[in-house]
Protein backbone atom coordinates (compact mmCIF):
# COMPACT_ATOMS: atom_id res chain seq x y z
CA MET A 1 -4.43 2.36 -24.23
CA ILE A 2 -2.41 3.64 -27.20
CA ARG A 3 -4.16 7.02 -26.99
CA THR A 4 -3.35 7.24 -23.28
CA LEU A 5 0.29 6.34 -23.86
CA ARG A 6 0.59 8.99 -26.56
CA ARG A 7 -1.00 11.52 -24.23
CA TYR A 8 1.63 10.90 -21.54
CA LEU A 9 4.51 9.95 -23.88
CA PRO A 10 4.53 12.41 -26.80
CA ILE A 11 7.74 10.78 -28.05
CA LEU A 12 5.56 7.91 -29.34
CA ASP A 13 3.84 10.40 -31.64
CA TRP A 14 6.69 12.40 -33.14
CA GLY A 15 9.20 9.52 -32.85
CA ARG A 16 7.44 7.34 -35.43
CA ARG A 17 7.83 10.10 -38.04
CA TYR A 18 11.52 10.70 -37.37
CA ASP A 19 13.79 10.66 -40.43
CA GLY A 20 17.28 11.56 -41.58
CA ALA A 21 16.49 15.17 -42.49
CA THR A 22 14.94 15.75 -39.08
CA PHE A 23 17.99 14.21 -37.44
CA GLY A 24 20.27 16.64 -39.28
CA ASN A 25 18.26 19.66 -38.13
CA ASP A 26 18.13 18.43 -34.53
CA ALA A 27 21.84 17.60 -34.44
CA LEU A 28 22.87 21.06 -35.68
CA ALA A 29 20.59 22.75 -33.17
CA ALA A 30 21.97 20.55 -30.39
CA LEU A 31 25.56 21.44 -31.28
CA ILE A 32 24.85 25.17 -31.07
CA VAL A 33 22.86 24.91 -27.82
CA THR A 34 25.49 22.67 -26.22
CA ILE A 35 28.22 25.22 -26.94
CA MET A 36 26.01 27.92 -25.39
CA LEU A 37 24.88 25.81 -22.44
CA ILE A 38 28.28 24.73 -21.07
CA PRO A 39 29.31 28.15 -19.70
CA GLN A 40 25.70 28.97 -18.78
CA SER A 41 25.30 25.80 -16.74
CA LEU A 42 28.49 26.46 -14.80
CA ALA A 43 27.48 30.08 -14.21
CA TYR A 44 23.96 29.33 -13.01
CA ALA A 45 25.24 26.71 -10.60
CA LEU A 46 27.47 29.43 -9.15
CA LEU A 47 24.41 31.68 -8.83
CA ALA A 48 22.51 28.92 -7.03
CA GLY A 49 25.38 28.57 -4.55
CA LEU A 50 26.23 25.06 -5.77
CA PRO A 51 29.42 23.49 -7.18
CA ALA A 52 29.93 24.16 -10.88
CA GLU A 53 29.28 20.54 -11.85
CA ALA A 54 25.71 20.77 -10.48
CA GLY A 55 24.86 23.03 -13.42
CA ILE A 56 26.02 20.44 -15.94
CA TYR A 57 24.33 17.59 -14.06
CA ALA A 58 21.08 19.60 -14.07
CA SER A 59 21.34 19.83 -17.86
CA ILE A 60 21.67 16.13 -18.76
CA ALA A 61 19.01 13.83 -17.30
CA PRO A 62 16.39 16.64 -17.11
CA ILE A 63 16.77 17.41 -20.81
CA MET A 64 16.53 13.70 -21.67
CA LEU A 65 13.35 13.28 -19.64
CA TYR A 66 11.76 16.38 -21.11
CA ALA A 67 12.46 15.04 -24.60
CA ILE A 68 10.39 11.97 -23.68
CA PHE A 69 7.51 13.66 -21.85
CA GLY A 70 7.47 17.24 -23.21
CA THR A 71 5.46 18.57 -26.15
CA SER A 72 7.52 21.54 -27.35
CA ARG A 73 10.00 20.84 -30.10
CA SER A 74 11.98 24.03 -29.34
CA LEU A 75 12.00 24.35 -25.55
CA ALA A 76 15.47 23.88 -24.06
CA VAL A 77 15.25 22.78 -20.43
CA GLY A 78 17.95 23.34 -17.83
CA PRO A 79 19.18 25.78 -15.18
CA VAL A 80 17.90 29.35 -15.61
CA ALA A 81 18.76 32.56 -13.80
CA VAL A 82 15.51 33.22 -11.94
CA VAL A 83 15.09 29.64 -10.71
CA SER A 84 18.77 29.58 -9.68
CA LEU A 85 18.20 32.72 -7.61
CA LEU A 86 15.08 31.22 -6.02
CA THR A 87 17.04 28.06 -5.26
CA ALA A 88 19.79 30.01 -3.54
CA THR A 89 17.20 31.95 -1.52
CA ALA A 90 15.24 28.86 -0.44
CA VAL A 91 18.15 26.52 0.27
CA GLY A 92 20.14 29.25 1.98
CA GLN A 93 17.46 29.38 4.67
CA VAL A 94 17.95 25.73 5.66
CA ALA A 95 21.66 25.06 5.12
CA GLU A 96 24.97 26.87 4.83
CA GLN A 97 26.39 27.31 1.36
CA GLY A 98 29.24 24.93 0.56
CA THR A 99 28.08 22.18 2.89
CA ALA A 100 26.76 18.73 2.02
CA GLY A 101 23.45 19.73 3.57
CA TYR A 102 23.14 22.60 1.10
CA ALA A 103 23.55 20.30 -1.91
CA ALA A 104 21.15 17.76 -0.39
CA ALA A 105 18.55 20.49 0.21
CA ALA A 106 18.86 21.56 -3.45
CA LEU A 107 18.12 17.97 -4.49
CA THR A 108 15.08 17.93 -2.19
CA LEU A 109 13.88 21.20 -3.65
CA ALA A 110 14.12 19.74 -7.17
CA GLY A 111 12.32 16.57 -6.08
CA LEU A 112 9.47 18.47 -4.41
CA SER A 113 9.14 20.77 -7.40
CA GLY A 114 9.08 17.82 -9.81
CA GLY A 115 6.53 15.90 -7.77
CA PHE A 116 4.27 18.93 -7.49
CA LEU A 117 4.41 19.58 -11.25
CA VAL A 118 3.65 15.94 -12.11
CA ILE A 119 0.64 15.93 -9.78
CA LEU A 120 -0.67 19.13 -11.39
CA GLY A 121 -0.16 17.60 -14.83
CA VAL A 122 -1.94 14.32 -14.03
CA PHE A 123 -4.95 16.23 -12.70
CA ARG A 124 -4.78 18.78 -15.55
CA MET A 125 -4.34 21.71 -13.21
CA GLY A 126 -2.24 23.93 -15.43
CA MET A 127 -4.78 26.70 -15.02
CA LEU A 128 -3.43 27.33 -11.48
CA ALA A 129 -0.57 29.19 -13.10
CA ASN A 130 -3.11 31.79 -14.24
CA PHE A 131 -3.01 33.22 -10.72
CA LEU A 132 0.33 34.73 -11.70
CA SER A 133 -0.67 37.61 -13.97
CA HIS A 134 1.67 38.77 -16.71
CA PRO A 135 2.36 42.13 -14.99
CA VAL A 136 3.40 40.31 -11.82
CA ILE A 137 5.63 37.89 -13.74
CA ALA A 138 7.16 40.76 -15.76
CA GLY A 139 7.78 42.77 -12.60
CA PHE A 140 9.25 39.80 -10.77
CA ILE A 141 11.59 38.83 -13.61
CA THR A 142 12.73 42.45 -14.02
CA ALA A 143 13.47 42.82 -10.31
CA SER A 144 15.12 39.38 -10.20
CA GLY A 145 17.36 40.35 -13.11
CA ILE A 146 18.49 43.45 -11.23
CA LEU A 147 19.07 41.45 -8.04
CA ILE A 148 21.03 38.75 -9.84
CA ALA A 149 23.24 41.25 -11.65
CA ALA A 150 23.91 43.07 -8.37
CA SER A 151 24.76 39.81 -6.62
CA GLN A 152 27.45 39.06 -9.20
CA LEU A 153 29.28 42.36 -8.88
CA ARG A 154 31.29 40.93 -5.98
CA HIS A 155 32.75 38.28 -8.31
CA ILE A 156 33.61 40.92 -10.91
CA LEU A 157 35.39 43.04 -8.30
CA GLY A 158 36.89 40.15 -6.36
CA ILE A 159 35.49 41.19 -2.98
CA GLU A 160 33.49 39.52 -0.23
CA ALA A 161 29.91 40.80 -0.12
CA GLY A 162 26.46 39.43 0.54
CA GLY A 163 22.83 40.29 1.17
CA HIS A 164 19.41 39.17 -0.04
CA THR A 165 17.98 42.56 -1.02
CA LEU A 166 19.30 45.26 -3.33
CA ILE A 167 19.97 47.64 -0.42
CA GLU A 168 21.86 44.98 1.52
CA MET A 169 23.91 44.02 -1.53
CA PHE A 170 24.97 47.55 -2.40
CA ALA A 171 25.68 48.41 1.23
CA SER A 172 27.89 45.34 1.48
CA ILE A 173 29.68 46.10 -1.80
CA VAL A 174 30.30 49.74 -0.88
CA SER A 175 31.66 48.80 2.56
CA ASN A 176 34.14 46.40 0.94
CA LEU A 177 35.32 48.54 -1.97
CA ASP A 178 38.71 48.92 -0.32
CA GLN A 179 39.21 45.18 -0.87
CA ILE A 180 38.85 45.27 -4.68
CA HIS A 181 41.15 42.70 -6.30
CA PRO A 182 42.80 44.37 -9.35
CA ALA A 183 43.60 41.12 -11.20
CA THR A 184 40.04 39.84 -10.81
CA MET A 185 38.60 43.16 -11.97
CA ALA A 186 40.98 43.13 -14.92
CA ILE A 187 39.30 39.91 -16.02
CA GLY A 188 35.70 40.62 -15.03
CA ILE A 189 35.21 44.05 -16.58
CA PRO A 190 36.69 43.23 -20.04
CA ALA A 191 34.80 39.91 -20.07
CA SER A 192 31.55 41.73 -19.34
CA ALA A 193 32.23 44.35 -22.02
CA PHE A 194 33.08 41.65 -24.56
CA LEU A 195 29.92 39.65 -23.80
CA PHE A 196 27.74 42.76 -24.14
CA TRP A 197 29.36 43.39 -27.51
CA VAL A 198 28.79 39.76 -28.53
CA ARG A 199 25.06 40.12 -27.90
CA ARG A 200 24.64 43.29 -29.93
CA GLY A 201 27.60 43.89 -32.17
CA MET A 202 29.36 40.65 -33.06
CA LYS A 203 26.95 39.35 -35.67
CA PRO A 204 26.72 42.65 -37.62
CA ALA A 205 30.53 42.88 -37.50
CA LEU A 206 30.93 39.36 -38.88
CA LEU A 207 28.41 40.06 -41.64
CA ARG A 208 30.31 43.20 -42.60
CA LEU A 209 33.49 41.11 -42.80
CA GLY A 210 31.80 38.79 -45.31
CA ALA A 211 30.75 35.88 -43.13
CA GLY A 212 27.55 34.11 -44.13
CA PRO A 213 24.44 34.54 -41.95
CA THR A 214 24.59 30.96 -40.63
CA LEU A 215 28.29 31.13 -39.76
CA ALA A 216 27.86 34.55 -38.17
CA ASP A 217 24.98 33.25 -36.08
CA ILE A 218 26.91 30.20 -34.88
CA LEU A 219 29.99 32.26 -33.99
CA THR A 220 27.83 34.77 -32.12
CA LYS A 221 26.20 32.01 -30.09
CA ALA A 222 29.68 30.65 -29.34
CA GLY A 223 30.89 34.07 -28.15
CA PRO A 224 30.61 33.23 -24.43
CA VAL A 225 32.72 30.12 -25.03
CA LEU A 226 35.44 32.34 -26.52
CA ALA A 227 35.37 34.48 -23.38
CA VAL A 228 35.70 31.33 -21.28
CA ILE A 229 38.64 30.04 -23.32
CA VAL A 230 40.57 33.33 -23.37
CA THR A 231 40.15 34.12 -19.67
CA THR A 232 40.91 30.54 -18.64
CA LEU A 233 44.12 30.54 -20.68
CA ALA A 234 45.05 33.93 -19.21
CA VAL A 235 44.67 32.67 -15.64
CA TRP A 236 46.64 29.51 -16.44
CA ALA A 237 49.43 31.24 -18.33
CA LEU A 238 49.91 34.04 -15.78
CA SER A 239 49.21 31.86 -12.69
CA LEU A 240 46.61 34.39 -11.62
CA ASP A 241 44.97 31.84 -9.36
CA ARG A 242 48.05 32.06 -7.13
CA ALA A 243 47.62 35.83 -7.11
CA GLY A 244 44.15 35.50 -5.62
CA VAL A 245 41.86 35.24 -8.67
CA ALA A 246 39.00 32.90 -7.72
CA VAL A 247 38.63 29.99 -10.15
CA VAL A 248 36.20 27.11 -10.58
CA GLY A 249 38.81 24.60 -9.47
CA ASP A 250 38.40 20.83 -9.53
CA VAL A 251 35.22 19.65 -11.23
CA PRO A 252 34.54 15.91 -10.91
CA GLN A 253 35.09 14.16 -14.23
CA GLY A 254 32.37 11.73 -15.20
CA LEU A 255 28.67 11.30 -15.77
CA PRO A 256 26.13 12.57 -13.23
CA PRO A 257 26.02 10.42 -10.08
CA PHE A 258 22.90 8.79 -8.68
CA THR A 259 21.74 10.91 -5.76
CA LEU A 260 18.92 10.72 -3.25
CA PRO A 261 17.16 13.88 -2.07
CA GLY A 262 16.71 14.32 1.66
CA LEU A 263 13.16 13.56 2.76
CA SER A 264 13.22 14.36 6.46
CA PRO A 265 9.85 15.83 7.55
CA ASP A 266 11.46 19.01 8.83
CA LEU A 267 13.38 19.63 5.59
CA VAL A 268 10.31 18.92 3.45
CA ARG A 269 8.23 21.29 5.57
CA GLN A 270 10.77 24.08 5.17
CA LEU A 271 11.14 23.66 1.41
CA LEU A 272 7.58 22.81 0.39
CA ILE A 273 6.30 26.38 -0.12
CA PRO A 274 9.48 27.52 -1.96
CA ALA A 275 9.20 24.39 -4.15
CA ILE A 276 5.60 25.26 -5.06
CA LEU A 277 6.62 28.84 -5.81
CA ILE A 278 9.54 27.71 -7.99
CA SER A 279 7.29 25.21 -9.77
CA ILE A 280 4.64 27.76 -10.70
CA ILE A 281 7.07 30.49 -11.72
CA GLY A 282 9.16 28.03 -13.72
CA PHE A 283 6.08 26.60 -15.40
CA VAL A 284 4.71 30.02 -16.35
CA GLU A 285 8.06 31.11 -17.78
CA SER A 286 8.53 27.82 -19.64
CA VAL A 287 5.04 27.63 -21.13
CA SER A 288 5.17 31.28 -22.20
CA VAL A 289 8.34 30.59 -24.16
CA ALA A 290 7.04 27.29 -25.58
CA GLN A 291 3.74 28.80 -26.72
CA THR A 292 5.48 31.76 -28.35
CA LEU A 293 7.82 29.53 -30.31
CA ALA A 294 5.05 27.09 -31.22
CA ALA A 295 2.91 29.92 -32.59
CA LYS A 296 5.73 30.92 -34.94
CA ARG A 297 5.52 27.46 -36.53
CA ARG A 298 1.73 27.25 -36.38
CA ASP A 299 2.23 24.45 -33.92
CA ARG A 300 0.72 23.85 -30.49
CA ILE A 301 1.75 22.52 -27.11
CA ASP A 302 -0.24 20.83 -24.36
CA PRO A 303 0.19 22.88 -21.13
CA ASP A 304 -0.97 20.00 -18.93
CA GLN A 305 1.54 17.63 -20.53
CA GLU A 306 4.17 20.34 -20.17
CA LEU A 307 3.59 20.10 -16.43
CA ILE A 308 4.45 16.41 -16.59
CA GLY A 309 7.47 17.03 -18.82
CA LEU A 310 8.88 19.72 -16.53
CA GLY A 311 8.02 17.61 -13.48
CA ALA A 312 9.91 14.64 -14.89
CA ALA A 313 12.87 16.92 -15.67
CA ASN A 314 13.00 18.16 -12.08
CA LEU A 315 12.69 14.65 -10.70
CA GLY A 316 15.59 13.68 -12.94
CA ALA A 317 17.63 16.57 -11.53
CA ALA A 318 16.85 15.43 -7.98
CA PHE A 319 18.28 11.96 -8.62
CA THR A 320 21.32 13.01 -10.66
CA GLY A 321 23.00 15.69 -8.57
CA GLY A 322 21.21 18.73 -10.00
CA TYR A 323 18.77 21.34 -8.76
CA PRO A 324 15.43 22.81 -10.02
CA VAL A 325 15.23 23.46 -13.76
CA THR A 326 12.78 24.87 -16.28
CA GLY A 327 12.66 25.99 -19.90
CA GLY A 328 15.04 28.89 -20.60
CA PHE A 329 14.11 31.77 -22.90
CA ALA A 330 17.49 32.51 -24.47
CA ARG A 331 18.56 28.93 -25.17
CA SER A 332 15.07 27.98 -26.41
CA VAL A 333 15.14 30.83 -28.93
CA VAL A 334 18.61 29.70 -30.03
CA ASN A 335 17.36 26.12 -30.28
CA ASP A 336 14.43 27.23 -32.42
CA ASP A 337 16.51 29.53 -34.65
CA ALA A 338 19.04 26.75 -35.15
CA GLY A 339 16.32 24.56 -36.67
CA ALA A 340 15.32 22.14 -33.90
CA ALA A 341 12.56 20.00 -35.41
CA THR A 342 11.65 17.73 -32.48
CA PRO A 343 12.38 17.36 -28.74
CA ALA A 344 15.17 14.98 -29.81
CA ALA A 345 17.33 18.08 -30.24
CA GLY A 346 17.26 18.34 -26.46
CA ALA A 347 18.31 14.71 -26.09
CA PHE A 348 21.29 15.33 -28.39
CA THR A 349 22.18 18.40 -26.33
CA ALA A 350 22.13 16.23 -23.21
CA ALA A 351 24.44 13.74 -24.94
CA GLY A 352 26.86 16.55 -25.79
CA LEU A 353 26.84 17.79 -22.21
CA ALA A 354 27.41 14.24 -20.97
CA LEU A 355 30.52 14.03 -23.16
CA ALA A 356 31.68 17.37 -21.79
CA ALA A 357 31.14 16.14 -18.22
CA ALA A 358 33.03 12.93 -18.93
CA PHE A 359 36.04 14.38 -20.78
CA LEU A 360 36.27 18.18 -20.65
CA THR A 361 35.81 19.16 -17.01
CA PRO A 362 39.59 19.26 -16.25
CA LEU A 363 39.82 22.08 -18.79
CA VAL A 364 37.71 24.42 -16.62
CA PHE A 365 39.96 24.23 -13.55
CA TYR A 366 41.39 27.70 -14.25
CA LEU A 367 38.08 29.22 -15.39
CA PRO A 368 37.73 32.43 -13.33
CA ASN A 369 34.52 33.02 -11.39
CA ALA A 370 34.60 36.57 -12.72
CA THR A 371 33.95 35.25 -16.24
CA LEU A 372 31.00 33.19 -15.05
CA ALA A 373 29.68 36.24 -13.22
CA ALA A 374 30.01 38.29 -16.40
CA THR A 375 28.07 35.59 -18.28
CA ILE A 376 25.25 35.80 -15.72
CA ILE A 377 25.13 39.61 -15.68
CA VAL A 378 24.90 39.88 -19.46
CA ALA A 379 22.22 37.16 -19.61
CA VAL A 380 19.97 38.53 -16.85
CA LEU A 381 20.14 42.18 -17.84
CA GLY A 382 18.42 41.10 -21.03
CA LEU A 383 15.47 40.11 -18.83
CA VAL A 384 15.15 43.57 -17.27
CA ASP A 385 12.24 45.47 -18.82
CA LEU A 386 11.49 48.66 -16.91
CA SER A 387 9.28 49.83 -19.78
CA ILE A 388 6.58 47.59 -18.29
CA LEU A 389 6.04 50.37 -15.72
CA ARG A 390 5.34 52.97 -18.41
CA ARG A 391 3.12 50.66 -20.44
CA THR A 392 0.99 49.52 -17.50
CA TRP A 393 0.68 53.10 -16.20
CA ALA A 394 -0.72 54.16 -19.58
CA TYR A 395 -3.12 51.22 -19.80
CA SER A 396 -4.21 50.23 -16.29
CA ARG A 397 -3.38 51.80 -12.92
CA GLY A 398 -4.24 48.52 -11.23
CA ASP A 399 -1.71 46.55 -13.30
CA PHE A 400 0.84 49.32 -12.73
CA ALA A 401 0.33 48.96 -8.97
CA ALA A 402 0.86 45.18 -9.20
CA VAL A 403 4.07 45.63 -11.24
CA ALA A 404 5.46 48.43 -9.10
CA ILE A 405 4.76 46.65 -5.80
CA THR A 406 6.26 43.41 -7.11
CA ILE A 407 9.44 45.17 -8.28
CA LEU A 408 9.88 47.27 -5.13
CA LEU A 409 9.23 44.43 -2.69
CA THR A 410 11.38 41.94 -4.63
CA LEU A 411 14.27 44.41 -4.60
CA GLY A 412 13.67 45.59 -1.05
CA ALA A 413 12.41 42.51 0.81
CA GLY A 414 13.49 39.49 -1.24
CA VAL A 415 12.20 37.35 -4.06
CA GLU A 416 9.67 35.23 -2.15
CA ILE A 417 7.98 38.20 -0.45
CA GLY A 418 8.00 40.14 -3.72
CA VAL A 419 6.25 37.55 -5.87
CA ALA A 420 3.84 36.49 -3.10
CA THR A 421 2.79 40.09 -2.54
CA GLY A 422 2.46 40.67 -6.27
CA VAL A 423 0.10 37.71 -6.57
CA ALA A 424 -1.90 38.93 -3.55
CA VAL A 425 -2.16 42.44 -4.99
CA SER A 426 -3.31 41.09 -8.37
CA LEU A 427 -6.02 38.98 -6.74
CA LEU A 428 -7.08 41.88 -4.52
CA LEU A 429 -7.32 44.24 -7.49
CA HIS A 430 -9.36 41.64 -9.37
CA LEU A 431 -11.76 41.34 -6.45
CA VAL A 432 -12.05 45.12 -6.16
CA LYS A 433 -12.69 45.49 -9.89
CA THR A 434 -15.29 42.73 -10.06
CA SER A 435 -16.98 43.89 -6.84
CA LYS A 436 -18.41 46.79 -8.85
CA PRO A 437 -18.97 45.34 -12.32
CA HIS A 438 -19.84 47.51 -15.27
CA VAL A 439 -23.62 47.65 -15.59
CA ALA A 440 -25.11 49.55 -18.55
CA GLU A 441 -28.68 50.61 -19.19
CA VAL A 442 -29.33 49.67 -22.81
CA GLY A 443 -31.82 50.56 -25.51
CA LEU A 444 -32.64 49.43 -29.03
CA VAL A 445 -30.51 50.77 -31.89
CA PRO A 446 -33.12 52.01 -34.42
CA GLY A 447 -33.66 49.69 -37.37
CA THR A 448 -31.75 46.82 -35.81
CA HIS A 449 -32.10 44.07 -33.23
CA HIS A 450 -29.04 45.35 -31.34
CA PHE A 451 -28.98 46.93 -27.89
CA ARG A 452 -26.36 49.40 -26.75
CA ASN A 453 -25.51 51.65 -23.81
CA VAL A 454 -27.89 54.62 -23.61
CA ASP A 455 -24.97 56.87 -22.60
CA ARG A 456 -22.95 56.02 -25.70
CA HIS A 457 -25.50 55.64 -28.50
CA ASN A 458 -28.73 57.13 -29.77
CA VAL A 459 -31.15 54.35 -28.92
CA GLU A 460 -34.86 53.80 -28.36
CA THR A 461 -36.05 53.36 -24.77
CA ASP A 462 -39.40 52.81 -23.10
CA PRO A 463 -40.32 54.61 -19.85
CA HIS A 464 -42.00 51.46 -18.58
CA LEU A 465 -39.05 49.15 -19.34
CA LEU A 466 -35.58 49.15 -17.78
CA THR A 467 -32.94 46.87 -19.27
CA LEU A 468 -29.63 46.49 -17.45
CA ARG A 469 -26.74 44.66 -19.14
CA ILE A 470 -24.42 42.95 -16.64
CA ASP A 471 -20.85 42.80 -17.95
CA GLU A 472 -19.45 40.38 -15.36
CA SER A 473 -20.19 37.02 -13.81
CA LEU A 474 -22.25 37.27 -10.62
CA TYR A 475 -20.64 35.91 -7.47
CA PHE A 476 -20.33 36.68 -3.78
CA VAL A 477 -18.10 39.74 -4.27
CA ASN A 478 -20.57 41.68 -6.43
CA ALA A 479 -23.90 40.08 -5.50
CA ARG A 480 -24.92 42.82 -3.06
CA PHE A 481 -23.81 45.52 -5.52
CA LEU A 482 -26.32 44.30 -8.09
CA GLU A 483 -29.08 44.04 -5.50
CA THR A 484 -28.47 47.61 -4.34
CA LEU A 485 -28.25 48.93 -7.91
CA VAL A 486 -31.64 47.53 -8.89
CA GLN A 487 -33.28 48.73 -5.71
CA ASP A 488 -31.92 52.24 -6.26
CA ARG A 489 -33.49 52.33 -9.73
CA VAL A 490 -37.02 51.44 -8.62
CA SER A 491 -39.25 53.02 -6.00
CA GLU A 492 -42.88 53.19 -4.91
CA GLY A 493 -45.05 54.75 -7.60
CA CYS A 494 -42.36 54.79 -10.33
CA ALA A 495 -43.36 54.45 -13.98
CA LEU A 496 -41.44 51.21 -14.46
CA ARG A 497 -43.43 48.07 -15.14
CA HIS A 498 -40.62 45.72 -16.16
CA VAL A 499 -36.93 45.22 -15.32
CA VAL A 500 -34.80 43.00 -17.54
CA LEU A 501 -31.32 41.74 -16.66
CA MET A 502 -29.46 41.18 -19.93
CA CYS A 503 -26.85 38.47 -19.25
CA PRO A 504 -24.67 37.79 -22.34
CA ALA A 505 -21.46 38.30 -20.30
CA VAL A 506 -22.57 36.34 -17.24
CA ASN A 507 -20.66 33.07 -17.27
CA ASP A 508 -21.54 32.03 -13.74
CA ILE A 509 -23.98 32.79 -10.93
CA ASP A 510 -22.87 31.50 -7.54
CA PHE A 511 -25.14 30.82 -4.56
CA SER A 512 -24.64 34.28 -3.02
CA ALA A 513 -25.62 35.93 -6.29
CA LEU A 514 -28.60 33.58 -6.59
CA GLU A 515 -29.84 34.74 -3.19
CA SER A 516 -29.45 38.36 -4.28
CA LEU A 517 -31.49 37.67 -7.44
CA GLU A 518 -34.17 36.10 -5.26
CA ALA A 519 -34.18 39.22 -3.08
CA VAL A 520 -34.49 41.44 -6.15
CA ASN A 521 -37.39 39.30 -7.39
CA ARG A 522 -39.21 39.59 -4.05
CA ARG A 523 -38.70 43.37 -3.95
CA LEU A 524 -39.96 43.88 -7.50
CA THR A 525 -42.92 41.59 -6.88
CA GLU A 526 -43.93 43.77 -3.94
CA LEU A 527 -43.77 46.81 -6.22
CA GLU A 528 -45.75 44.97 -8.93
CA ILE A 529 -42.83 45.24 -11.33
CA GLY A 530 -41.97 42.32 -13.56
CA PHE A 531 -38.49 40.84 -13.24
CA HIS A 532 -37.07 39.17 -16.35
CA LEU A 533 -33.81 37.71 -17.68
CA SER A 534 -32.53 37.62 -21.25
CA GLU A 535 -29.68 35.98 -23.16
CA VAL A 536 -28.80 33.63 -20.31
CA LYS A 537 -26.04 31.23 -21.31
CA GLY A 538 -26.80 27.52 -21.41
CA PRO A 539 -24.55 26.39 -18.54
CA VAL A 540 -25.89 29.19 -16.32
CA MET A 541 -29.47 28.26 -17.23
CA ASP A 542 -28.75 24.62 -16.44
CA ARG A 543 -27.76 25.57 -12.90
CA LEU A 544 -30.73 27.90 -12.42
CA GLU A 545 -33.07 25.09 -13.44
CA THR A 546 -31.84 23.02 -10.49
CA THR A 547 -33.15 25.69 -8.08
CA HIS A 548 -36.57 27.16 -7.22
CA PHE A 549 -35.59 30.57 -8.56
CA LEU A 550 -37.25 30.13 -11.96
CA ASP A 551 -40.47 28.90 -10.31
CA ALA A 552 -40.58 32.00 -8.09
CA LEU A 553 -39.56 34.43 -10.85
CA ASN A 554 -42.46 36.83 -11.49
CA GLY A 555 -41.39 37.36 -15.09
CA ARG A 556 -39.90 35.38 -17.96
CA VAL A 557 -36.54 34.26 -19.34
CA PHE A 558 -36.14 35.46 -22.94
CA LEU A 559 -33.84 33.89 -25.50
CA SER A 560 -32.79 37.30 -26.84
CA GLN A 561 -33.07 40.86 -25.65
CA TYR A 562 -35.03 41.75 -28.78
CA ASP A 563 -37.65 39.16 -27.83
CA ALA A 564 -37.87 40.80 -24.40
CA TRP A 565 -38.21 44.26 -25.96
CA SER A 566 -40.86 43.06 -28.39
CA ALA A 567 -42.94 41.46 -25.65
CA LEU A 568 -42.53 43.99 -22.88
CA ALA A 569 -42.50 47.27 -24.82
CA GLY A 570 -45.83 46.45 -26.44
CA LEU A 571 -44.38 45.70 -29.87
CA PRO A 572 -45.30 42.56 -31.82
CA SER A 573 -42.65 39.91 -31.37
CA LYS A 574 -41.06 38.31 -34.37
CA SER A 575 -42.73 34.99 -33.58
CA ALA A 576 -46.15 36.64 -33.31
CA ALA A 577 -45.69 38.41 -36.62
CA GLU A 578 -44.84 35.15 -38.28
């Protein structure tokens, strides 16, 4: 029972070792992340099409729940850019932005996502995320970053514009350029420039001025807060809101409310697929960050428990006025660099955000939307990595195709079509590649017991013995390929007396491949050619032993290829010599 509780409640493990020094590290990390997260939360809520407070609400209960159920000591959970974009895309299809139905649909999306993740975690199904290859994820995130940045230009310029694809967005922006609001642009462009400088130039400048590394790091992380303060004061002092500068406005003061997601069958049906998509993408992004940070500390995470932790966080968002969340890259790196020692750092961050929600929200009334848009643009452009195209082109044309198609379709047709097509292309390319597996004819390396490709090495061969090494599992896609290959190598009256399939890379043989092996065995029997296997893995052999294949096999199954060579090439086997 205790082991089971610790499996599902990691807090019971690290919590019993908690001490004062750990508390100090976690508290400092929480302070830095809280300062960073306040403007980010407001900005990402804007991106999701929700009221600003939804971003803060989505950063309180979810972080608390992840601290209880999650396994990463550095992962900082909350609203992120890509998930916010996916939320806006999904919810925008079922409700109009700014309505109560829109907010209710966002809660439902979070609830469905959380429930799906918990179910995957309970059944240890984290491997499903492997269907999203890294090239597809990289391409999707790059395209999403471009889309998000483009979508925020309207807030920087102070114009009305829309669209779900890059072409639609730019066409809308260009057609409304005559409506540019000078005061808004006077805030948005300098704020963007300042935030870009903060990311790259503020810390070196502070170090040159004599600031210590820790102080310089903290001030750099607080840079976006400075932009928020200065632009908010400017709008208040100059009454720019009366001149048409869009501001956040009234944000309810208080802790997150208890909310109930809508569960009407029609709404659930419309949001189920987007919820699954958000869950998988969020999980892949989160686990990638958590594993990277854990490796730096020679630590480990449990991906299946991460599913439960993220699921609980999303369920928490659904019942406290939020929207779907996941682990964010930037804030998690900040959390780790700041010295977070346990998931309690996240709980302290949540406490800080709760205080901000309870006492500080009146201060953001005059916060211009242009500043929040600048915060988003600077954050997401850091996700754009077009070099993935060059690197995949140099390494694998198939991966390049998956990346390029994902980027182009995400930009040109929308996020859901882009990532779905990218996954489909990756699976199709995998099927095409494995439908014609690499099969090498091998021979004995002189003076050794090793066998290598006859086209790459000087090896010994025997005209009466053909050994083919299969470098892929055998299943329905490539079963007929193997059957045809063997039949093409043998014919009536050929010198061959034995054919050996060397199987060190064969991890599975499905029923279709088994039938093909049976067909090969019958064909070789008719030609009076022995058919043998070597180096068959234990689990594969266990399955073969449940069939009649081994009884019908006209040859033998050898433990090693050298044993097969020794027996079939007329050489004394090692066992015989002994």
